[in-house]
Amino acid sequence: MNKYILLRHRDIPNLKDLQIYQENGGFAAFRKIVTGLTPDQVMQEVKASGLRGRGGAGFPTGVKWSFLPTNLWPHYVVANADESEPGTFKDREILEENPYQFLEGLAIASYAVQANTSYVYLRGEFDPLAAGLDRCIAAMEAAGLLGDNLFGTSYSLRLHTHLGAGAYVCGEETALLESLEGRRGLPRLRPPFPAVVGLYGKPTVINNVETLTNLPPILENGATWYRTIGTEKSPGPKVFCLSGRVKQPGNYEMPLGTTFRKLIYEYGGGILDDRPIKAIMPAGASSALIPATEAVLDTPMDYEAVAQVGSPLGSASVIILDDTVRMDWLANKTAHFFSHESCGKCTPCREGTYWMAHLTDRIAAGKAEAQDVELLHDVTSQIQGKCFCALGEFSIMAVRSGIELFRADFDARAKRVES
């Protein structure tokens, strides 16, 4: 019996070959819906499954599709493959080793919203992956799985890939659309939202690679089956990216609701040198730190439970920190990343990330004064809730939570100045 749903290539060798993918049920779900279901029936099945977006926000996928107006055409679907979050590497494995399941999911989403042209937007560093997807798309066209009048129906579909230029901000969906249209990747003012005014000013759905890869098994096996996996509010499997101070980093596919303890100690093999675990970043560099208490280790990794202990689950890029990691050092690393990746469109993010990087440099080098730690915390307050897109909000997460939860690490590096 196969163990995996999303990482099926681990069970089935050479699944990235179209013939092997089809021999193992590939494109049966797509054929089934195009020839036997209406777009609304597909949408209702995905709604019933409870599938939530795997790119970070966790928004219900079928509900997101339903926002597209039916009096404005054409519709587009864009797959977000701009996987740039530090600590996130799940989509890359799917694109490299199980590309046809992802592309079938993109085709299913396209049919559900009646898009005839859809795109895969990839980060610039994914150039070899884009070439591989282009070969897969050509093979699908040759096999009659893309093109005009699919399976003898009136539905037609074409897929295209598009490479960005390696900008983290293009993971934000409106900046992605700007880049896809050939402009600099800067976030758009919302409203209007992409569901109404998206790609080329038309209604657009934007879904993450992992989200789309869930669709073929849902449409093949049904929403009721899908809901037997995971939790009531967070159903289905999830690929957890485990990295940091663990013995066995990597991608692990497990049901949503699996505990941190199981991921870290059973799958990840525990902490390097068996040292004490200090903190967890559950959503990559953009997540707040969570102290690794016994209660936190036993927390189910789903969208609701992780938020209750102080941080969003996001894309489930779980970074483990042990007692060798200084939180002032970590804050410095994240501040420099977000300062470098800020697009500069809004002042709080542009100036705030610069000053966070500057202050954390001084603290990490042992050249700061005690009041600089307070100043750093104050800078995060000037960024919080004031930025054009989520990048600014993400930039303060590790810095602010690091100061609030691990203040001693910062104070130990700051010089005491006598008045």
Protein backbone atom coordinates (compact mmCIF):
# COMPACT_ATOMS: atom_id res chain seq x y z
CA MET A 1 0.00 0.00 0.00
CA ASN A 2 1.35 3.43 -0.93
CA LYS A 3 2.31 5.64 1.97
CA TYR A 4 2.30 9.01 0.25
CA ILE A 5 -0.36 11.20 -1.35
CA LEU A 6 1.64 14.27 -2.35
CA LEU A 7 5.16 12.83 -2.42
CA ARG A 8 4.07 9.74 -4.36
CA HIS A 9 7.38 9.56 -6.19
CA ARG A 10 8.83 8.11 -2.99
CA ASP A 11 6.54 5.10 -3.46
CA ILE A 12 6.62 4.95 -7.27
CA PRO A 13 9.98 5.20 -9.06
CA ASN A 14 10.17 7.49 -12.12
CA LEU A 15 6.76 9.04 -11.48
CA LYS A 16 7.98 12.10 -13.37
CA ASP A 17 7.65 10.02 -16.55
CA LEU A 18 4.22 10.65 -18.11
CA GLN A 19 3.62 7.01 -19.02
CA ILE A 20 4.38 5.83 -15.48
CA TYR A 21 2.22 8.58 -14.01
CA GLN A 22 -0.69 7.53 -16.21
CA GLU A 23 -0.15 3.84 -15.41
CA ASN A 24 -0.61 4.79 -11.76
CA GLY A 25 -3.91 6.62 -12.27
CA GLY A 26 -2.53 9.89 -13.55
CA PHE A 27 -5.00 12.23 -15.29
CA ALA A 28 -7.93 9.95 -14.51
CA ALA A 29 -9.33 12.64 -12.22
CA PHE A 30 -8.93 15.35 -14.87
CA ARG A 31 -10.59 13.23 -17.54
CA LYS A 32 -13.37 12.34 -15.09
CA ILE A 33 -14.29 15.94 -14.29
CA VAL A 34 -14.01 17.32 -17.84
CA THR A 35 -16.23 14.57 -19.27
CA GLY A 36 -18.60 14.05 -16.36
CA LEU A 37 -18.80 17.00 -13.94
CA THR A 38 -19.76 20.64 -14.25
CA PRO A 39 -17.29 23.27 -13.04
CA ASP A 40 -19.63 24.05 -10.14
CA GLN A 41 -19.67 20.36 -9.09
CA VAL A 42 -15.86 20.37 -9.03
CA MET A 43 -15.85 23.54 -6.96
CA GLN A 44 -18.38 22.12 -4.50
CA GLU A 45 -16.34 18.93 -4.09
CA VAL A 46 -13.22 20.92 -3.28
CA LYS A 47 -15.20 23.06 -0.82
CA ALA A 48 -16.54 19.90 0.83
CA SER A 49 -13.01 18.49 1.15
CA GLY A 50 -11.97 21.40 3.34
CA LEU A 51 -8.70 21.84 1.43
CA ARG A 52 -6.94 24.96 2.66
CA GLY A 53 -4.20 26.86 0.87
CA ARG A 54 -0.76 25.41 1.56
CA GLY A 55 1.19 28.55 0.65
CA GLY A 56 0.87 30.10 4.10
CA ALA A 57 -2.51 31.75 4.60
CA GLY A 58 -4.53 28.53 4.94
CA PHE A 59 -7.59 30.02 3.20
CA PRO A 60 -10.21 27.49 1.98
CA THR A 61 -9.39 26.73 -1.65
CA GLY A 62 -12.89 26.13 -2.99
CA VAL A 63 -14.13 29.32 -1.36
CA LYS A 64 -11.30 31.26 -2.99
CA TRP A 65 -12.33 29.92 -6.39
CA SER A 66 -15.95 30.94 -5.81
CA PHE A 67 -14.99 34.62 -5.55
CA LEU A 68 -14.43 34.83 -9.32
CA PRO A 69 -17.35 36.66 -10.96
CA THR A 70 -19.14 34.79 -13.73
CA ASN A 71 -19.89 37.91 -15.78
CA LEU A 72 -16.25 38.89 -16.42
CA TRP A 73 -14.08 36.88 -18.80
CA PRO A 74 -11.55 35.43 -19.42
CA HIS A 75 -10.54 33.77 -16.16
CA TYR A 76 -6.96 32.78 -15.35
CA VAL A 77 -5.28 30.41 -12.88
CA VAL A 78 -1.72 31.10 -11.76
CA ALA A 79 0.30 28.53 -9.82
CA ASN A 80 2.56 30.23 -7.30
CA ALA A 81 5.89 28.39 -7.50
CA ASP A 82 7.91 31.33 -6.18
CA GLU A 83 9.15 29.31 -3.23
CA SER A 84 11.49 31.83 -1.58
CA GLU A 85 10.79 31.54 2.16
CA PRO A 86 13.97 30.54 4.04
CA GLY A 87 13.36 27.06 5.40
CA THR A 88 10.79 26.12 2.72
CA PHE A 89 11.63 23.50 0.11
CA LYS A 90 8.51 21.36 -0.30
CA ASP A 91 7.32 22.73 -3.64
CA ARG A 92 10.71 22.17 -5.20
CA GLU A 93 10.58 18.43 -4.48
CA ILE A 94 7.09 18.19 -5.97
CA LEU A 95 8.11 20.10 -9.10
CA GLU A 96 11.24 17.99 -9.56
CA GLU A 97 9.89 14.53 -8.79
CA ASN A 98 6.08 14.60 -9.06
CA PRO A 99 5.42 17.31 -11.66
CA TYR A 100 2.47 15.67 -13.40
CA GLN A 101 0.35 15.48 -10.27
CA PHE A 102 0.92 19.20 -9.79
CA LEU A 103 0.12 19.95 -13.44
CA GLU A 104 -3.01 17.79 -13.27
CA GLY A 105 -4.05 19.79 -10.21
CA LEU A 106 -3.49 23.02 -12.13
CA ALA A 107 -5.62 21.65 -14.97
CA ILE A 108 -8.39 20.70 -12.53
CA ALA A 109 -8.38 24.18 -10.99
CA SER A 110 -8.48 25.68 -14.48
CA TYR A 111 -11.54 23.64 -15.43
CA ALA A 112 -13.28 24.51 -12.15
CA VAL A 113 -13.08 28.25 -12.86
CA GLN A 114 -13.29 27.80 -16.66
CA ALA A 115 -9.86 29.21 -17.40
CA ASN A 116 -8.52 28.31 -20.84
CA THR A 117 -5.02 29.68 -20.21
CA SER A 118 -3.08 29.16 -16.99
CA TYR A 119 0.43 29.92 -15.81
CA VAL A 120 3.12 28.55 -13.52
CA TYR A 121 5.14 31.40 -11.99
CA LEU A 122 8.51 30.15 -10.75
CA ARG A 123 11.25 31.90 -8.82
CA GLY A 124 14.20 32.85 -11.01
CA GLU A 125 16.52 30.29 -9.42
CA PHE A 126 14.15 27.52 -10.57
CA ASP A 127 15.31 27.81 -14.18
CA PRO A 128 16.07 24.05 -14.49
CA LEU A 129 12.65 23.24 -13.02
CA ALA A 130 10.94 25.53 -15.52
CA ALA A 131 12.69 23.70 -18.37
CA GLY A 132 11.51 20.39 -16.90
CA LEU A 133 7.92 21.63 -16.63
CA ASP A 134 8.06 22.84 -20.23
CA ARG A 135 8.99 19.30 -21.27
CA CYS A 136 6.12 17.92 -19.20
CA ILE A 137 3.66 20.36 -20.76
CA ALA A 138 4.85 19.41 -24.27
CA ALA A 139 4.37 15.73 -23.41
CA MET A 140 0.84 16.44 -22.15
CA GLU A 141 0.01 18.27 -25.36
CA ALA A 142 1.32 15.37 -27.44
CA ALA A 143 -0.80 12.96 -25.38
CA GLY A 144 -3.98 14.97 -25.85
CA LEU A 145 -4.12 16.09 -22.22
CA LEU A 146 -3.82 19.78 -23.14
CA GLY A 147 -5.06 21.69 -26.16
CA ASP A 148 -8.42 22.16 -27.86
CA ASN A 149 -11.59 20.09 -27.31
CA LEU A 150 -10.13 17.94 -24.57
CA PHE A 151 -11.49 14.38 -24.39
CA GLY A 152 -14.03 15.22 -27.07
CA THR A 153 -15.60 18.10 -25.15
CA SER A 154 -15.74 21.84 -25.83
CA TYR A 155 -13.19 22.60 -23.08
CA SER A 156 -9.72 23.80 -24.13
CA LEU A 157 -6.67 24.51 -21.98
CA ARG A 158 -3.10 25.63 -22.42
CA LEU A 159 -0.41 25.96 -19.74
CA HIS A 160 2.68 28.17 -19.70
CA THR A 161 5.65 28.68 -17.38
CA HIS A 162 7.12 32.05 -16.43
CA LEU A 163 10.32 32.75 -14.51
CA GLY A 164 10.69 35.64 -12.11
CA ALA A 165 14.01 37.25 -11.24
CA GLY A 166 14.55 35.86 -7.74
CA ALA A 167 12.63 38.46 -5.70
CA TYR A 168 11.11 37.21 -2.42
CA VAL A 169 8.35 39.82 -2.61
CA CYS A 170 6.97 38.11 -5.74
CA GLY A 171 5.65 35.36 -3.50
CA GLU A 172 3.01 37.96 -2.59
CA GLU A 173 0.28 37.33 -5.11
CA THR A 174 -0.20 40.85 -6.46
CA ALA A 175 3.55 41.42 -6.84
CA LEU A 176 3.63 38.07 -8.63
CA LEU A 177 0.98 39.30 -11.06
CA GLU A 178 2.92 42.50 -11.71
CA SER A 179 6.02 40.45 -12.51
CA LEU A 180 4.06 38.04 -14.70
CA GLU A 181 2.77 41.01 -16.70
CA GLY A 182 6.35 42.16 -17.31
CA ARG A 183 6.67 44.91 -14.72
CA ARG A 184 8.73 45.27 -11.57
CA GLY A 185 7.37 43.01 -8.82
CA LEU A 186 5.70 45.51 -6.49
CA PRO A 187 2.55 44.75 -4.47
CA ARG A 188 -0.71 46.26 -5.67
CA LEU A 189 -3.15 48.22 -3.57
CA ARG A 190 -6.09 46.04 -2.58
CA PRO A 191 -9.04 46.21 -3.22
CA PRO A 192 -9.60 45.37 -5.99
CA PHE A 193 -8.52 41.81 -5.29
CA PRO A 194 -7.08 39.41 -7.88
CA ALA A 195 -10.33 37.40 -7.91
CA VAL A 196 -11.92 40.36 -9.71
CA VAL A 197 -8.99 42.35 -11.16
CA GLY A 198 -6.05 39.99 -11.48
CA LEU A 199 -3.81 38.99 -14.37
CA TYR A 200 -4.28 41.42 -17.29
CA GLY A 201 -7.07 43.00 -15.27
CA LYS A 202 -9.20 39.85 -15.39
CA PRO A 203 -10.51 37.50 -12.65
CA THR A 204 -7.66 35.30 -11.45
CA VAL A 205 -7.10 32.44 -9.00
CA ILE A 206 -3.63 32.09 -7.49
CA ASN A 207 -2.85 28.80 -5.74
CA ASN A 208 0.33 27.34 -4.27
CA VAL A 209 2.04 24.29 -5.83
CA GLU A 210 1.26 22.01 -2.88
CA THR A 211 -2.38 23.16 -2.81
CA LEU A 212 -2.84 22.19 -6.46
CA THR A 213 -1.09 18.85 -5.95
CA ASN A 214 -3.86 17.90 -3.49
CA LEU A 215 -6.57 18.20 -6.15
CA PRO A 216 -6.15 14.99 -8.20
CA PRO A 217 -6.53 12.65 -5.19
CA ILE A 218 -9.48 14.71 -3.90
CA LEU A 219 -11.36 14.48 -7.22
CA GLU A 220 -10.40 10.83 -7.67
CA ASN A 221 -11.31 9.62 -4.16
CA GLY A 222 -13.84 12.20 -2.97
CA ALA A 223 -14.12 14.81 -0.25
CA THR A 224 -15.28 12.31 2.38
CA TRP A 225 -12.10 10.26 1.93
CA TYR A 226 -9.94 13.39 2.12
CA ARG A 227 -11.53 14.42 5.41
CA THR A 228 -10.44 11.15 7.03
CA ILE A 229 -6.92 12.64 7.00
CA GLY A 230 -5.88 15.48 9.28
CA THR A 231 -8.24 17.36 11.60
CA GLU A 232 -11.80 18.61 11.26
CA LYS A 233 -10.80 22.21 10.54
CA SER A 234 -7.46 21.41 8.89
CA PRO A 235 -8.05 18.27 6.80
CA GLY A 236 -5.65 16.47 4.52
CA PRO A 237 -1.93 15.71 4.33
CA LYS A 238 0.78 18.37 4.64
CA VAL A 239 4.41 18.41 3.62
CA PHE A 240 6.40 19.73 6.58
CA CYS A 241 9.85 21.16 5.79
CA LEU A 242 12.10 20.37 8.75
CA SER A 243 15.44 22.14 9.11
CA GLY A 244 17.74 23.76 11.63
CA ARG A 245 19.37 21.96 14.53
CA VAL A 246 17.95 18.50 13.81
CA LYS A 247 19.69 15.27 12.87
CA GLN A 248 17.52 14.42 9.85
CA PRO A 249 16.29 17.57 8.07
CA GLY A 250 14.04 17.14 5.06
CA ASN A 251 10.48 17.04 3.76
CA TYR A 252 8.03 14.90 5.71
CA GLU A 253 4.48 14.25 4.54
CA MET A 254 2.13 13.74 7.47
CA PRO A 255 -1.51 14.47 8.33
CA LEU A 256 -2.21 17.97 9.57
CA GLY A 257 -2.53 17.75 13.34
CA THR A 258 0.66 15.71 13.84
CA THR A 259 2.57 17.06 16.85
CA PHE A 260 5.84 18.97 16.79
CA ARG A 261 7.31 16.26 19.00
CA LYS A 262 6.61 13.53 16.47
CA LEU A 263 8.06 15.57 13.61
CA ILE A 264 11.21 16.55 15.48
CA TYR A 265 12.05 13.40 17.40
CA GLU A 266 10.48 10.55 15.42
CA TYR A 267 10.98 11.82 11.88
CA GLY A 268 13.79 14.33 12.42
CA GLY A 269 15.79 12.03 14.68
CA GLY A 270 16.01 14.58 17.49
CA ILE A 271 18.35 17.49 18.14
CA LEU A 272 21.98 17.56 17.02
CA ASP A 273 24.30 16.27 19.77
CA ASP A 274 21.11 15.58 21.78
CA ARG A 275 21.17 19.13 23.10
CA PRO A 276 18.13 20.83 24.68
CA ILE A 277 15.66 22.35 22.24
CA LYS A 278 15.20 26.08 22.75
CA ALA A 279 12.65 27.38 20.25
CA ILE A 280 10.71 26.60 17.07
CA MET A 281 10.01 28.73 14.01
CA PRO A 282 6.97 26.97 12.47
CA ALA A 283 6.70 29.10 9.31
CA GLY A 284 10.27 29.75 8.24
CA ALA A 285 12.03 33.08 8.65
CA SER A 286 8.71 34.95 8.63
CA SER A 287 7.40 33.29 11.79
CA ALA A 288 7.45 34.33 15.41
CA LEU A 289 9.58 32.26 17.76
CA ILE A 290 7.81 29.76 20.00
CA PRO A 291 9.62 28.59 23.17
CA ALA A 292 9.90 24.80 22.92
CA THR A 293 8.10 23.88 26.13
CA GLU A 294 6.69 20.40 26.70
CA ALA A 295 3.20 21.75 25.97
CA VAL A 296 4.36 23.29 22.69
CA LEU A 297 6.08 20.06 21.61
CA ASP A 298 2.76 18.26 22.09
CA THR A 299 0.84 20.88 20.08
CA PRO A 300 -0.85 19.53 16.93
CA MET A 301 0.55 21.17 13.81
CA ASP A 302 -2.61 22.56 12.26
CA TYR A 303 -3.70 26.08 11.41
CA GLU A 304 -5.70 26.61 14.60
CA ALA A 305 -3.53 25.00 17.28
CA VAL A 306 -0.21 26.52 16.19
CA ALA A 307 -1.74 30.00 16.10
CA GLN A 308 -2.89 29.51 19.69
CA VAL A 309 0.68 29.01 20.89
CA GLY A 310 1.93 32.19 19.29
CA SER A 311 2.76 31.83 15.60
CA PRO A 312 1.03 30.96 12.33
CA LEU A 313 1.72 27.56 10.80
CA GLY A 314 2.20 29.25 7.42
CA SER A 315 3.74 26.92 4.87
CA ALA A 316 4.94 24.62 7.69
CA SER A 317 8.64 25.39 7.27
CA VAL A 318 9.67 24.20 10.71
CA ILE A 319 13.08 25.52 11.80
CA ILE A 320 14.46 24.06 15.03
CA LEU A 321 16.72 26.07 17.35
CA ASP A 322 18.68 24.51 20.21
CA ASP A 323 20.50 26.08 23.16
CA THR A 324 23.56 26.89 21.02
CA VAL A 325 21.59 29.48 19.01
CA ARG A 326 21.69 33.07 20.25
CA MET A 327 18.46 34.88 19.46
CA ASP A 328 20.23 38.17 18.79
CA TRP A 329 22.19 36.35 16.07
CA LEU A 330 18.97 34.91 14.64
CA ALA A 331 17.31 38.33 14.68
CA ASN A 332 20.29 39.74 12.79
CA LYS A 333 20.07 37.06 10.10
CA THR A 334 16.34 37.54 9.52
CA ALA A 335 16.59 41.35 9.61
CA HIS A 336 19.26 41.31 6.90
CA PHE A 337 17.19 38.97 4.74
CA PHE A 338 14.07 41.13 4.87
CA SER A 339 16.04 44.35 4.47
CA HIS A 340 17.60 42.93 1.30
CA GLU A 341 14.26 41.66 -0.03
CA SER A 342 12.14 44.74 0.75
CA CYS A 343 10.90 46.22 -2.52
CA GLY A 344 11.08 49.70 -1.02
CA LYS A 345 7.56 50.72 -2.05
CA CYS A 346 6.41 51.70 1.44
CA THR A 347 8.41 53.72 3.97
CA PRO A 348 7.80 51.64 7.14
CA CYS A 349 9.20 48.51 5.51
CA ARG A 350 11.98 50.18 3.52
CA GLU A 351 13.32 52.23 6.44
CA GLY A 352 12.30 49.89 9.22
CA THR A 353 14.07 46.83 7.84
CA TYR A 354 17.20 48.93 7.29
CA TRP A 355 17.23 50.08 10.92
CA MET A 356 16.50 46.58 12.23
CA ALA A 357 19.50 45.27 10.30
CA HIS A 358 21.67 48.18 11.52
CA LEU A 359 20.69 47.74 15.18
CA THR A 360 20.98 43.95 15.18
CA ASP A 361 24.45 44.32 13.63
CA ARG A 362 25.50 46.45 16.60
CA ILE A 363 23.93 44.10 19.12
CA ALA A 364 25.36 40.91 17.58
CA ALA A 365 28.82 42.52 17.44
CA GLY A 366 28.66 43.46 21.13
CA LYS A 367 28.87 47.18 20.27
CA ALA A 368 25.37 48.20 21.31
CA GLU A 369 24.20 49.86 24.48
CA ALA A 370 21.35 48.54 26.59
CA GLN A 371 18.91 51.12 25.26
CA ASP A 372 19.54 49.91 21.72
CA VAL A 373 17.56 46.77 22.51
CA GLU A 374 14.60 48.94 23.48
CA LEU A 375 15.11 51.02 20.34
CA LEU A 376 15.08 47.85 18.22
CA HIS A 377 11.81 46.77 19.81
CA ASP A 378 10.40 50.25 19.18
CA VAL A 379 11.38 50.05 15.50
CA THR A 380 9.36 46.83 15.16
CA SER A 381 6.36 48.69 16.59
CA GLN A 382 6.74 51.36 13.90
CA ILE A 383 6.59 48.67 11.20
CA GLN A 384 3.80 46.52 12.64
CA GLY A 385 0.47 47.00 10.88
CA LYS A 386 1.73 49.87 8.73
CA CYS A 387 3.06 48.20 5.58
CA PHE A 388 1.70 47.80 2.08
CA CYS A 389 2.03 44.00 2.06
CA ALA A 390 2.87 41.17 4.44
CA LEU A 391 6.66 41.36 3.92
CA GLY A 392 6.99 44.18 6.47
CA GLU A 393 4.85 42.27 8.94
CA PHE A 394 6.95 39.14 8.43
CA SER A 395 10.19 41.06 8.88
CA ILE A 396 9.53 41.86 12.54
CA MET A 397 8.39 38.41 13.64
CA ALA A 398 11.69 36.84 14.72
CA VAL A 399 13.12 40.16 15.97
CA ARG A 400 10.14 41.17 18.09
CA SER A 401 9.40 37.72 19.51
CA GLY A 402 13.12 37.17 20.12
CA ILE A 403 13.35 40.29 22.29
CA GLU A 404 10.09 39.56 24.12
CA LEU A 405 10.80 35.87 24.81
CA PHE A 406 14.59 35.68 24.95
CA ARG A 407 15.59 39.15 26.18
CA ALA A 408 18.62 37.79 28.03
CA ASP A 409 20.29 36.85 24.74
CA PHE A 410 20.09 40.48 23.61
CA ASP A 411 21.02 42.05 26.96
CA ALA A 412 24.08 39.82 27.23
CA ARG A 413 25.48 41.44 24.07
CA ALA A 414 24.64 45.04 25.00
CA LYS A 415 27.10 47.15 27.01
CA ARG A 416 25.87 48.73 30.21
CA VAL A 417 26.48 52.47 30.20
CA GLU A 418 26.59 54.14 33.60
CA SER A 419 24.65 57.39 33.88
